[in-house]
Amino acid sequence: MTEMLIVAGVGFVLVLVAWGMWALVRSWDRTNAILAAAPQMPIRMVNVWDPVWIRGEVECHDPVYSPHFGQPVIHYDYKLEQYVTRTRTTSDGKTETYSEWQTIKTASEYALFSVYQAEGKLLVQVDKAQWQYEESATETFGNLRHSCTFTPMTDLVSVVGVVGERKATLEPLMHVPLIVTPRERQSYLNSAESAERWAARFGYLFLLIGFALVGFGLARYFQTRGSLPVGWWDGGAGVVGLITGLGTMTLFWLIRTYNSMVIFRTRAEQSWSGIDVHLKQRYDLIPNLIEVVKGYAGHEQNLFEHLTQLRTEAIADRRARVRAETDVVADMTRIALVAESYPDLKANTQYRILAKNLTALEDKIAHARGFFNDSVAEYNTNIAKFPANLAAGVFGFRSFPLFSADLHERAVPQFKL
């Protein structure tokens, strides 16, 4: 019964589709993790080779115009389709008529633009950019349909990329893509993660159906080989297909769940390095800050001594840095408030340089701390959810503590100039 071999073949194709979807999900997951690790920062705070999100206005002196719609934009993808009627011959020799939209023209173009904020602007390398979640428009006239996705030049945009040399450009670099989107950072990440989850769910569905068809088709083939069956369905073959589908899906689920837990745990561990690098840079600057401020506010000796002691403890090891973080942030905030009372100190060149560097560092530390806690929360949630918690218990995965969770929603120290 060769029809049953065809059924098994269709099932095998669905299994391959599921495998391809999971490979795509894994690629999306890596990219989303990279984008989530990049902080959103004002242009004045960025440094060369920083991966960042910049939200700002579009500055474009020579926009392009979308075909048919005539709107000034910084990018568009246009498609013109025609509704055509065709005929075809079916397998039984009959002729039938059908209609479809046929693409007769496509066009795509972009304009040079900068993302602009009050304190500066960065030129976007648009020839290397990916344009995502753009606006769209469709109009139909008779048998012609015009479709266009575009990014208007009058709206705010978010751009994620790496700051180029001389802090003048945003560009892709190695594993960090250059993405332009009208959406804000968190909205973009939420949509990307939602698409990732749904693709994974469809992957499981295709895997279940695919292996069920393979099991049923092969069982029915061996049942009926050499004889003509009364019908295509058989309860026993159906049970074999169901067991095959559920069994293989469970096995693949265990493998994928284990691998996902390893990835989430590794990501949580690696995200600590983003905090650690910035913390060490902060502790290198603290002695200089204390010396400068001490010359203007000597009566704050207890504050300076406490912060110095915290720094000495914090540079010892990772656990000490975690324990000291809340107190260090509190002391840094107090020093920033003390400096507000001394106009001469705020005008001091060395203080201004230190204040600018420390403000940028505190923003980066706050973001890195938030990203670490998000990574830990993602890992902890995945090993706590049913039925993944059963696999986590068997494989020995344990939850991680958050780093200074009470600081997650607090403002970082701001050294105003």
Foldseek 3Di string as FASTA:
>chain_A
DCVLVVLLVVLVVLLVVLVVLVVVLVVLVVQLLVLLLAEADDLLLDDAFGWHKYKAAKDFDDFDADPPVRAGAQKKKKWKWFKDKDWDADPVGDIDIDIDIHTDDIDIDGGWIWGDDPVGIATEPVVQEDEPPFDKDWDDDDRMIMIMGGHHNGAMKMWTAGQHPPSHHGAHDDSHGIYIYRDDSVVVSVVSVVVSVVSNVVSLVSQLSSQLSSQLSVVQCVVAPPHDDPDSDDPVSNVRSNCRSVVVSVVVVLVVLVVVLVVLVVSLVVLVVLLVVLVVVLLVLLVVLCVLLCVVCVVVVVLSVVLVVLSVQLVPDPVSVLVSVVVNQVSLQVSLVSVVVPPVSCVDPVSVVSLSNVQSSQSSNLSSLLSSQVSLVVSVVSCPDPPNVVSCVVVVPDGDDRRPPVCNPPDGRHNDD
